[in-house]
Amino acid sequence: MKTVNEVSKLTGVSIRTLQYYDQIGLLKPAEYTESGYRLYDDAALEKLQQILLFKELEFPLKDIKEIINRSDFDKTKALEQQIGLLELKKEHIENLLNLCKYLKSRGVRRLDFTAFDSSKLDEYSKKAKEQWGQTPEYKEFSEKSKNWTKEYESGLMADFSRIFEEFGPMISKDPASAEVQAQVKKIQDFITKNMYKCTDEILYGLGKMYAGGGEFTENIDKMGGKGTAEFVYQAIKVYCGK
């Protein structure tokens, strides 16, 4: 048997946290001393290990309690699932490292993973589907992206992000100037080459989305500086004759 203090030293879990787990019925000690001190046996420690693994995978405590207290809880199966999830987390971290190295080699001035993580492409795909549904453009995007590796995807999005970053120093210029309009064409050409045929109509719709607030606006402003998303939109309006 181990005392709560010993368990805390062994696992790194604070005494307060262990007490809280007891209070909510997540992890009960094997027994209590006459003085009310908590004592933990190997079974309790094994259960704590499962709790910590699920917690590491960002499961809410409420869900962890429900999972590990089920009568049909299969420890081996749970461990296999945890291994699978941890492998995915490992892959995600490796992708971020690859992206960081890629950006460094390209001489990018700022490194901001929030602008380039893989979920952004998922969000891009979602927004595209919402805007165009099952149009030829969306089908083309799905076809082109279905075999992308995470490394290729990260590199592609880094290249796309550089286009927006290059808008930053242009913000003081006239959106209708030749230099800015050439930069807008880079967006259209990049999307057409790598994702789907980007018509002027689609480009204009994207421009509104870029400046419409939320993640797209925030990320573009991180790439080129505050106000970049709105500037890009104004430049796109000119480009599309709106």
C-alpha atoms as a PDB file:
ATOM      1  CA  MET A   1       0.000   0.000   0.000  1.00  0.00           C
ATOM      2  CA  LYS A   2       1.103   3.529  -0.723  1.00  0.00           C
ATOM      3  CA  THR A   3      -0.037   6.718   0.950  1.00  0.00           C
ATOM      4  CA  VAL A   4      -1.418   9.617  -1.044  1.00  0.00           C
ATOM      5  CA  ASN A   5       1.855  11.455  -0.502  1.00  0.00           C
ATOM      6  CA  GLU A   6       3.850   8.519  -1.867  1.00  0.00           C
ATOM      7  CA  VAL A   7       1.564   8.194  -4.885  1.00  0.00           C
ATOM      8  CA  SER A   8       1.931  11.899  -5.572  1.00  0.00           C
ATOM      9  CA  LYS A   9       5.737  11.648  -5.520  1.00  0.00           C
ATOM     10  CA  LEU A  10       5.671   8.509  -7.676  1.00  0.00           C
ATOM     11  CA  THR A  11       3.328   9.816 -10.379  1.00  0.00           C
ATOM     12  CA  GLY A  12       3.706  13.577 -10.286  1.00  0.00           C
ATOM     13  CA  VAL A  13      -0.035  13.943  -9.653  1.00  0.00           C
ATOM     14  CA  SER A  14      -0.645  16.460  -6.891  1.00  0.00           C
ATOM     15  CA  ILE A  15      -2.204  15.411  -3.592  1.00  0.00           C
ATOM     16  CA  ARG A  16      -5.004  17.896  -4.221  1.00  0.00           C
ATOM     17  CA  THR A  17      -5.747  16.237  -7.587  1.00  0.00           C
ATOM     18  CA  LEU A  18      -5.802  12.759  -6.034  1.00  0.00           C
ATOM     19  CA  GLN A  19      -8.179  14.006  -3.374  1.00  0.00           C
ATOM     20  CA  TYR A  20     -10.383  15.504  -6.078  1.00  0.00           C
ATOM     21  CA  TYR A  21     -10.397  12.225  -8.048  1.00  0.00           C
ATOM     22  CA  ASP A  22     -11.587  10.509  -4.879  1.00  0.00           C
ATOM     23  CA  GLN A  23     -14.323  13.085  -4.294  1.00  0.00           C
ATOM     24  CA  ILE A  24     -15.781  12.714  -7.803  1.00  0.00           C
ATOM     25  CA  GLY A  25     -15.534   8.925  -7.758  1.00  0.00           C
ATOM     26  CA  LEU A  26     -12.940   8.761 -10.509  1.00  0.00           C
ATOM     27  CA  LEU A  27     -10.238   7.065  -8.440  1.00  0.00           C
ATOM     28  CA  LYS A  28     -11.084   5.666  -5.026  1.00  0.00           C
ATOM     29  CA  PRO A  29      -8.234   4.554  -2.723  1.00  0.00           C
ATOM     30  CA  ALA A  30      -8.008   0.862  -1.927  1.00  0.00           C
ATOM     31  CA  GLU A  31      -8.810   1.750   1.682  1.00  0.00           C
ATOM     32  CA  TYR A  32      -8.621   4.449   4.320  1.00  0.00           C
ATOM     33  CA  THR A  33      -6.714   4.332   7.603  1.00  0.00           C
ATOM     34  CA  GLU A  34      -8.511   4.874  10.888  1.00  0.00           C
ATOM     35  CA  SER A  35      -7.309   8.443  10.730  1.00  0.00           C
ATOM     36  CA  GLY A  36      -8.863   8.860   7.268  1.00  0.00           C
ATOM     37  CA  TYR A  37      -5.650   8.774   5.225  1.00  0.00           C
ATOM     38  CA  ARG A  38      -5.941   7.362   1.720  1.00  0.00           C
ATOM     39  CA  LEU A  39      -4.048   4.196   0.790  1.00  0.00           C
ATOM     40  CA  TYR A  40      -3.532   2.950  -2.764  1.00  0.00           C
ATOM     41  CA  ASP A  41      -2.744  -0.587  -3.910  1.00  0.00           C
ATOM     42  CA  ASP A  42      -1.377  -1.758  -7.282  1.00  0.00           C
ATOM     43  CA  ALA A  43      -4.882  -1.984  -8.777  1.00  0.00           C
ATOM     44  CA  ALA A  44      -5.547   1.643  -7.877  1.00  0.00           C
ATOM     45  CA  LEU A  45      -2.202   2.683  -9.370  1.00  0.00           C
ATOM     46  CA  GLU A  46      -2.993   0.790 -12.565  1.00  0.00           C
ATOM     47  CA  LYS A  47      -6.303   2.616 -12.742  1.00  0.00           C
ATOM     48  CA  LEU A  48      -4.524   5.922 -12.191  1.00  0.00           C
ATOM     49  CA  GLN A  49      -2.212   5.076 -15.061  1.00  0.00           C
ATOM     50  CA  GLN A  50      -5.230   4.602 -17.347  1.00  0.00           C
ATOM     51  CA  ILE A  51      -6.700   7.896 -16.148  1.00  0.00           C
ATOM     52  CA  LEU A  52      -3.462   9.723 -16.927  1.00  0.00           C
ATOM     53  CA  LEU A  53      -3.255   8.164 -20.380  1.00  0.00           C
ATOM     54  CA  PHE A  54      -6.799   9.194 -21.238  1.00  0.00           C
ATOM     55  CA  LYS A  55      -6.144  12.627 -19.774  1.00  0.00           C
ATOM     56  CA  GLU A  56      -3.009  12.951 -21.919  1.00  0.00           C
ATOM     57  CA  LEU A  57      -5.257  12.308 -24.900  1.00  0.00           C
ATOM     58  CA  GLU A  58      -7.455  15.209 -23.728  1.00  0.00           C
ATOM     59  CA  PHE A  59     -10.470  13.148 -22.659  1.00  0.00           C
ATOM     60  CA  PRO A  60     -12.690  15.075 -20.204  1.00  0.00           C
ATOM     61  CA  LEU A  61     -12.682  13.625 -16.680  1.00  0.00           C
ATOM     62  CA  LYS A  62     -16.387  12.909 -16.970  1.00  0.00           C
ATOM     63  CA  ASP A  63     -15.781  10.713 -20.011  1.00  0.00           C
ATOM     64  CA  ILE A  64     -12.771   9.013 -18.416  1.00  0.00           C
ATOM     65  CA  LYS A  65     -14.846   8.098 -15.384  1.00  0.00           C
ATOM     66  CA  GLU A  66     -17.567   6.619 -17.554  1.00  0.00           C
ATOM     67  CA  ILE A  67     -15.084   4.648 -19.674  1.00  0.00           C
ATOM     68  CA  ILE A  68     -12.951   3.065 -16.969  1.00  0.00           C
ATOM     69  CA  ASN A  69     -15.879   2.260 -14.689  1.00  0.00           C
ATOM     70  CA  ARG A  70     -17.818   0.358 -17.317  1.00  0.00           C
ATOM     71  CA  SER A  71     -18.289  -3.317 -16.565  1.00  0.00           C
ATOM     72  CA  ASP A  72     -17.087  -4.225 -20.065  1.00  0.00           C
ATOM     73  CA  PHE A  73     -13.999  -1.994 -19.943  1.00  0.00           C
ATOM     74  CA  ASP A  74     -11.274  -3.820 -21.846  1.00  0.00           C
ATOM     75  CA  LYS A  75      -7.837  -2.642 -20.688  1.00  0.00           C
ATOM     76  CA  THR A  76      -6.026  -4.228 -23.605  1.00  0.00           C
ATOM     77  CA  LYS A  77      -8.360  -2.695 -26.174  1.00  0.00           C
ATOM     78  CA  ALA A  78      -8.143   0.666 -24.441  1.00  0.00           C
ATOM     79  CA  LEU A  79      -4.368   0.508 -24.532  1.00  0.00           C
ATOM     80  CA  GLU A  80      -4.413  -0.321 -28.239  1.00  0.00           C
ATOM     81  CA  GLN A  81      -6.670   2.675 -28.873  1.00  0.00           C
ATOM     82  CA  GLN A  82      -4.422   4.896 -26.776  1.00  0.00           C
ATOM     83  CA  ILE A  83      -1.394   3.743 -28.742  1.00  0.00           C
ATOM     84  CA  GLY A  84      -3.222   4.591 -31.970  1.00  0.00           C
ATOM     85  CA  LEU A  85      -4.155   8.054 -30.732  1.00  0.00           C
ATOM     86  CA  LEU A  86      -0.648   8.706 -29.470  1.00  0.00           C
ATOM     87  CA  GLU A  87       0.741   7.659 -32.857  1.00  0.00           C
ATOM     88  CA  LEU A  88      -1.519  10.265 -34.438  1.00  0.00           C
ATOM     89  CA  LYS A  89      -0.300  12.876 -31.971  1.00  0.00           C
ATOM     90  CA  LYS A  90       3.270  11.869 -32.787  1.00  0.00           C
ATOM     91  CA  GLU A  91       2.548  12.262 -36.510  1.00  0.00           C
ATOM     92  CA  HIS A  92       1.014  15.673 -35.883  1.00  0.00           C
ATOM     93  CA  ILE A  93       4.084  16.838 -33.950  1.00  0.00           C
ATOM     94  CA  GLU A  94       6.390  15.496 -36.655  1.00  0.00           C
ATOM     95  CA  ASN A  95       4.369  17.401 -39.251  1.00  0.00           C
ATOM     96  CA  LEU A  96       4.792  20.593 -37.267  1.00  0.00           C
ATOM     97  CA  LEU A  97       8.531  19.977 -37.033  1.00  0.00           C
ATOM     98  CA  ASN A  98       8.751  19.344 -40.773  1.00  0.00           C
ATOM     99  CA  LEU A  99       6.807  22.516 -41.416  1.00  0.00           C
ATOM    100  CA  CYS A 100       9.065  24.505 -39.127  1.00  0.00           C
ATOM    101  CA  LYS A 101      12.173  23.200 -40.911  1.00  0.00           C
ATOM    102  CA  TYR A 102      10.559  23.857 -44.291  1.00  0.00           C
ATOM    103  CA  LEU A 103       9.696  27.450 -43.391  1.00  0.00           C
ATOM    104  CA  LYS A 104      13.155  28.032 -41.948  1.00  0.00           C
ATOM    105  CA  SER A 105      14.778  26.804 -45.147  1.00  0.00           C
ATOM    106  CA  ARG A 106      12.585  29.157 -47.171  1.00  0.00           C
ATOM    107  CA  GLY A 107      13.579  32.136 -45.053  1.00  0.00           C
ATOM    108  CA  VAL A 108      10.111  32.925 -43.703  1.00  0.00           C
ATOM    109  CA  ARG A 109      10.256  35.815 -41.261  1.00  0.00           C
ATOM    110  CA  ARG A 110       7.744  34.502 -38.726  1.00  0.00           C
ATOM    111  CA  LEU A 111       6.845  31.009 -37.590  1.00  0.00           C
ATOM    112  CA  ASP A 112       3.227  30.662 -36.513  1.00  0.00           C
ATOM    113  CA  PHE A 113       1.930  27.109 -36.418  1.00  0.00           C
ATOM    114  CA  THR A 114      -1.644  28.293 -35.893  1.00  0.00           C
ATOM    115  CA  ALA A 115      -1.623  29.631 -39.425  1.00  0.00           C
ATOM    116  CA  PHE A 116      -0.374  26.459 -41.048  1.00  0.00           C
ATOM    117  CA  ASP A 117      -1.518  23.394 -39.110  1.00  0.00           C
ATOM    118  CA  SER A 118      -3.335  20.702 -41.038  1.00  0.00           C
ATOM    119  CA  SER A 119      -6.734  21.640 -39.659  1.00  0.00           C
ATOM    120  CA  LYS A 120      -6.575  24.827 -41.721  1.00  0.00           C
ATOM    121  CA  LEU A 121      -6.730  22.815 -44.918  1.00  0.00           C
ATOM    122  CA  ASP A 122      -9.657  20.853 -43.506  1.00  0.00           C
ATOM    123  CA  GLU A 123     -11.333  24.167 -42.762  1.00  0.00           C
ATOM    124  CA  TYR A 124     -10.525  25.379 -46.281  1.00  0.00           C
ATOM    125  CA  SER A 125     -12.114  22.273 -47.706  1.00  0.00           C
ATOM    126  CA  LYS A 126     -15.163  22.709 -45.472  1.00  0.00           C
ATOM    127  CA  LYS A 127     -15.597  26.338 -46.512  1.00  0.00           C
ATOM    128  CA  ALA A 128     -15.176  25.417 -50.159  1.00  0.00           C
ATOM    129  CA  LYS A 129     -17.850  22.754 -49.856  1.00  0.00           C
ATOM    130  CA  GLU A 130     -20.204  25.147 -48.080  1.00  0.00           C
ATOM    131  CA  GLN A 131     -19.730  27.734 -50.801  1.00  0.00           C
ATOM    132  CA  TRP A 132     -19.839  25.593 -53.917  1.00  0.00           C
ATOM    133  CA  GLY A 133     -21.227  22.242 -52.783  1.00  0.00           C
ATOM    134  CA  GLN A 134     -20.700  19.435 -55.267  1.00  0.00           C
ATOM    135  CA  THR A 135     -19.590  21.694 -58.107  1.00  0.00           C
ATOM    136  CA  PRO A 136     -16.895  20.654 -60.600  1.00  0.00           C
ATOM    137  CA  GLU A 137     -14.457  22.885 -58.696  1.00  0.00           C
ATOM    138  CA  TYR A 138     -15.051  21.156 -55.394  1.00  0.00           C
ATOM    139  CA  LYS A 139     -14.862  17.724 -57.000  1.00  0.00           C
ATOM    140  CA  GLU A 140     -11.558  18.729 -58.593  1.00  0.00           C
ATOM    141  CA  PHE A 141     -10.249  19.839 -55.201  1.00  0.00           C
ATOM    142  CA  SER A 142     -11.281  16.533 -53.626  1.00  0.00           C
ATOM    143  CA  GLU A 143      -9.609  14.579 -56.414  1.00  0.00           C
ATOM    144  CA  LYS A 144      -6.349  16.522 -56.231  1.00  0.00           C
ATOM    145  CA  SER A 145      -6.095  16.429 -52.448  1.00  0.00           C
ATOM    146  CA  LYS A 146      -7.067  12.815 -51.787  1.00  0.00           C
ATOM    147  CA  ASN A 147      -3.497  11.480 -52.092  1.00  0.00           C
ATOM    148  CA  TRP A 148      -1.685  14.348 -50.387  1.00  0.00           C
ATOM    149  CA  THR A 149       0.711  13.359 -47.640  1.00  0.00           C
ATOM    150  CA  LYS A 150       0.830  15.470 -44.493  1.00  0.00           C
ATOM    151  CA  GLU A 151       4.311  16.668 -45.398  1.00  0.00           C
ATOM    152  CA  TYR A 152       3.225  17.700 -48.908  1.00  0.00           C
ATOM    153  CA  GLU A 153       0.125  19.369 -47.499  1.00  0.00           C
ATOM    154  CA  SER A 154       2.177  21.364 -44.989  1.00  0.00           C
ATOM    155  CA  GLY A 155       4.606  22.498 -47.678  1.00  0.00           C
ATOM    156  CA  LEU A 156       1.778  23.467 -49.997  1.00  0.00           C
ATOM    157  CA  MET A 157       0.031  25.532 -47.349  1.00  0.00           C
ATOM    158  CA  ALA A 158       3.332  27.190 -46.443  1.00  0.00           C
ATOM    159  CA  ASP A 159       3.737  28.244 -50.097  1.00  0.00           C
ATOM    160  CA  PHE A 160       0.162  29.520 -50.161  1.00  0.00           C
ATOM    161  CA  SER A 161       0.729  31.426 -46.931  1.00  0.00           C
ATOM    162  CA  ARG A 162       3.802  33.133 -48.372  1.00  0.00           C
ATOM    163  CA  ILE A 163       1.599  34.752 -51.002  1.00  0.00           C
ATOM    164  CA  PHE A 164      -0.445  36.440 -48.266  1.00  0.00           C
ATOM    165  CA  GLU A 165       2.686  37.352 -46.341  1.00  0.00           C
ATOM    166  CA  GLU A 166       3.973  39.155 -49.435  1.00  0.00           C
ATOM    167  CA  PHE A 167       0.850  41.336 -49.381  1.00  0.00           C
ATOM    168  CA  GLY A 168       1.966  42.801 -46.041  1.00  0.00           C
ATOM    169  CA  PRO A 169       4.503  45.346 -47.358  1.00  0.00           C
ATOM    170  CA  MET A 170       2.004  46.386 -50.051  1.00  0.00           C
ATOM    171  CA  ILE A 171      -0.783  47.550 -47.720  1.00  0.00           C
ATOM    172  CA  SER A 172       0.124  51.220 -48.180  1.00  0.00           C
ATOM    173  CA  LYS A 173      -0.178  50.888 -51.962  1.00  0.00           C
ATOM    174  CA  ASP A 174      -3.254  51.332 -54.137  1.00  0.00           C
ATOM    175  CA  PRO A 175      -5.116  47.987 -54.387  1.00  0.00           C
ATOM    176  CA  ALA A 176      -5.480  48.711 -58.112  1.00  0.00           C
ATOM    177  CA  SER A 177      -1.742  49.121 -58.684  1.00  0.00           C
ATOM    178  CA  ALA A 178      -0.035  46.722 -61.074  1.00  0.00           C
ATOM    179  CA  GLU A 179       2.119  45.212 -58.315  1.00  0.00           C
ATOM    180  CA  VAL A 180      -0.837  44.435 -56.058  1.00  0.00           C
ATOM    181  CA  GLN A 181      -2.938  43.101 -58.915  1.00  0.00           C
ATOM    182  CA  ALA A 182      -0.073  40.802 -59.920  1.00  0.00           C
ATOM    183  CA  GLN A 183      -0.053  39.498 -56.366  1.00  0.00           C
ATOM    184  CA  VAL A 184      -3.785  38.771 -56.570  1.00  0.00           C
ATOM    185  CA  LYS A 185      -3.134  36.800 -59.740  1.00  0.00           C
ATOM    186  CA  LYS A 186      -0.668  34.699 -57.747  1.00  0.00           C
ATOM    187  CA  ILE A 187      -3.531  33.627 -55.483  1.00  0.00           C
ATOM    188  CA  GLN A 188      -5.729  32.708 -58.424  1.00  0.00           C
ATOM    189  CA  ASP A 189      -2.940  30.864 -60.245  1.00  0.00           C
ATOM    190  CA  PHE A 190      -1.876  28.975 -57.113  1.00  0.00           C
ATOM    191  CA  ILE A 191      -5.402  27.764 -56.394  1.00  0.00           C
ATOM    192  CA  THR A 192      -5.961  26.786 -60.027  1.00  0.00           C
ATOM    193  CA  LYS A 193      -2.715  24.846 -60.175  1.00  0.00           C
ATOM    194  CA  ASN A 194      -2.955  23.059 -56.837  1.00  0.00           C
ATOM    195  CA  MET A 195      -6.630  22.905 -55.847  1.00  0.00           C
ATOM    196  CA  TYR A 196      -9.272  23.690 -58.466  1.00  0.00           C
ATOM    197  CA  LYS A 197      -9.941  26.048 -61.336  1.00  0.00           C
ATOM    198  CA  CYS A 198     -10.308  29.409 -59.613  1.00  0.00           C
ATOM    199  CA  THR A 199     -12.586  31.591 -61.737  1.00  0.00           C
ATOM    200  CA  ASP A 200     -12.985  35.299 -61.034  1.00  0.00           C
ATOM    201  CA  GLU A 201     -16.342  34.542 -59.445  1.00  0.00           C
ATOM    202  CA  ILE A 202     -14.827  32.001 -57.074  1.00  0.00           C
ATOM    203  CA  LEU A 203     -11.883  34.280 -56.313  1.00  0.00           C
ATOM    204  CA  TYR A 204     -14.249  37.088 -55.402  1.00  0.00           C
ATOM    205  CA  GLY A 205     -16.151  34.759 -53.091  1.00  0.00           C
ATOM    206  CA  LEU A 206     -12.877  33.776 -51.444  1.00  0.00           C
ATOM    207  CA  GLY A 207     -11.964  37.431 -51.029  1.00  0.00           C
ATOM    208  CA  LYS A 208     -15.163  38.057 -49.101  1.00  0.00           C
ATOM    209  CA  MET A 209     -14.421  35.027 -46.960  1.00  0.00           C
ATOM    210  CA  TYR A 210     -10.860  36.209 -46.279  1.00  0.00           C
ATOM    211  CA  ALA A 211     -12.108  39.539 -44.930  1.00  0.00           C
ATOM    212  CA  GLY A 212     -15.257  38.173 -43.313  1.00  0.00           C
ATOM    213  CA  GLY A 213     -13.774  37.586 -39.875  1.00  0.00           C
ATOM    214  CA  GLY A 214     -12.942  34.380 -38.061  1.00  0.00           C
ATOM    215  CA  GLU A 215      -9.992  32.077 -38.643  1.00  0.00           C
ATOM    216  CA  PHE A 216      -9.293  33.071 -42.233  1.00  0.00           C
ATOM    217  CA  THR A 217      -9.079  36.775 -41.415  1.00  0.00           C
ATOM    218  CA  GLU A 218      -7.015  36.154 -38.286  1.00  0.00           C
ATOM    219  CA  ASN A 219      -4.534  33.881 -40.050  1.00  0.00           C
ATOM    220  CA  ILE A 220      -4.080  36.141 -43.080  1.00  0.00           C
ATOM    221  CA  ASP A 221      -3.484  39.091 -40.758  1.00  0.00           C
ATOM    222  CA  LYS A 222      -0.877  37.012 -38.918  1.00  0.00           C
ATOM    223  CA  MET A 223       0.856  36.277 -42.203  1.00  0.00           C
ATOM    224  CA  GLY A 224       0.995  39.809 -43.580  1.00  0.00           C
ATOM    225  CA  GLY A 225       0.188  42.005 -40.619  1.00  0.00           C
ATOM    226  CA  LYS A 226      -2.992  43.603 -39.326  1.00  0.00           C
ATOM    227  CA  GLY A 227      -5.313  44.697 -42.117  1.00  0.00           C
ATOM    228  CA  THR A 228      -3.877  42.321 -44.719  1.00  0.00           C
ATOM    229  CA  ALA A 229      -7.079  40.305 -45.117  1.00  0.00           C
ATOM    230  CA  GLU A 230      -9.163  43.404 -45.835  1.00  0.00           C
ATOM    231  CA  PHE A 231      -6.504  44.756 -48.207  1.00  0.00           C
ATOM    232  CA  VAL A 232      -6.434  41.461 -50.101  1.00  0.00           C
ATOM    233  CA  TYR A 233     -10.217  41.581 -50.402  1.00  0.00           C
ATOM    234  CA  GLN A 234     -10.146  45.133 -51.799  1.00  0.00           C
ATOM    235  CA  ALA A 235      -7.467  44.106 -54.289  1.00  0.00           C
ATOM    236  CA  ILE A 236      -9.502  41.074 -55.339  1.00  0.00           C
ATOM    237  CA  LYS A 237     -12.557  43.285 -55.875  1.00  0.00           C
ATOM    238  CA  VAL A 238     -10.570  45.386 -58.317  1.00  0.00           C
ATOM    239  CA  TYR A 239      -9.137  42.301 -60.016  1.00  0.00           C
ATOM    240  CA  CYS A 240     -12.609  40.814 -60.496  1.00  0.00           C
ATOM    241  CA  GLY A 241     -14.162  44.101 -61.637  1.00  0.00           C
ATOM    242  CA  LYS A 242     -16.511  44.451 -58.687  1.00  0.00           C
END
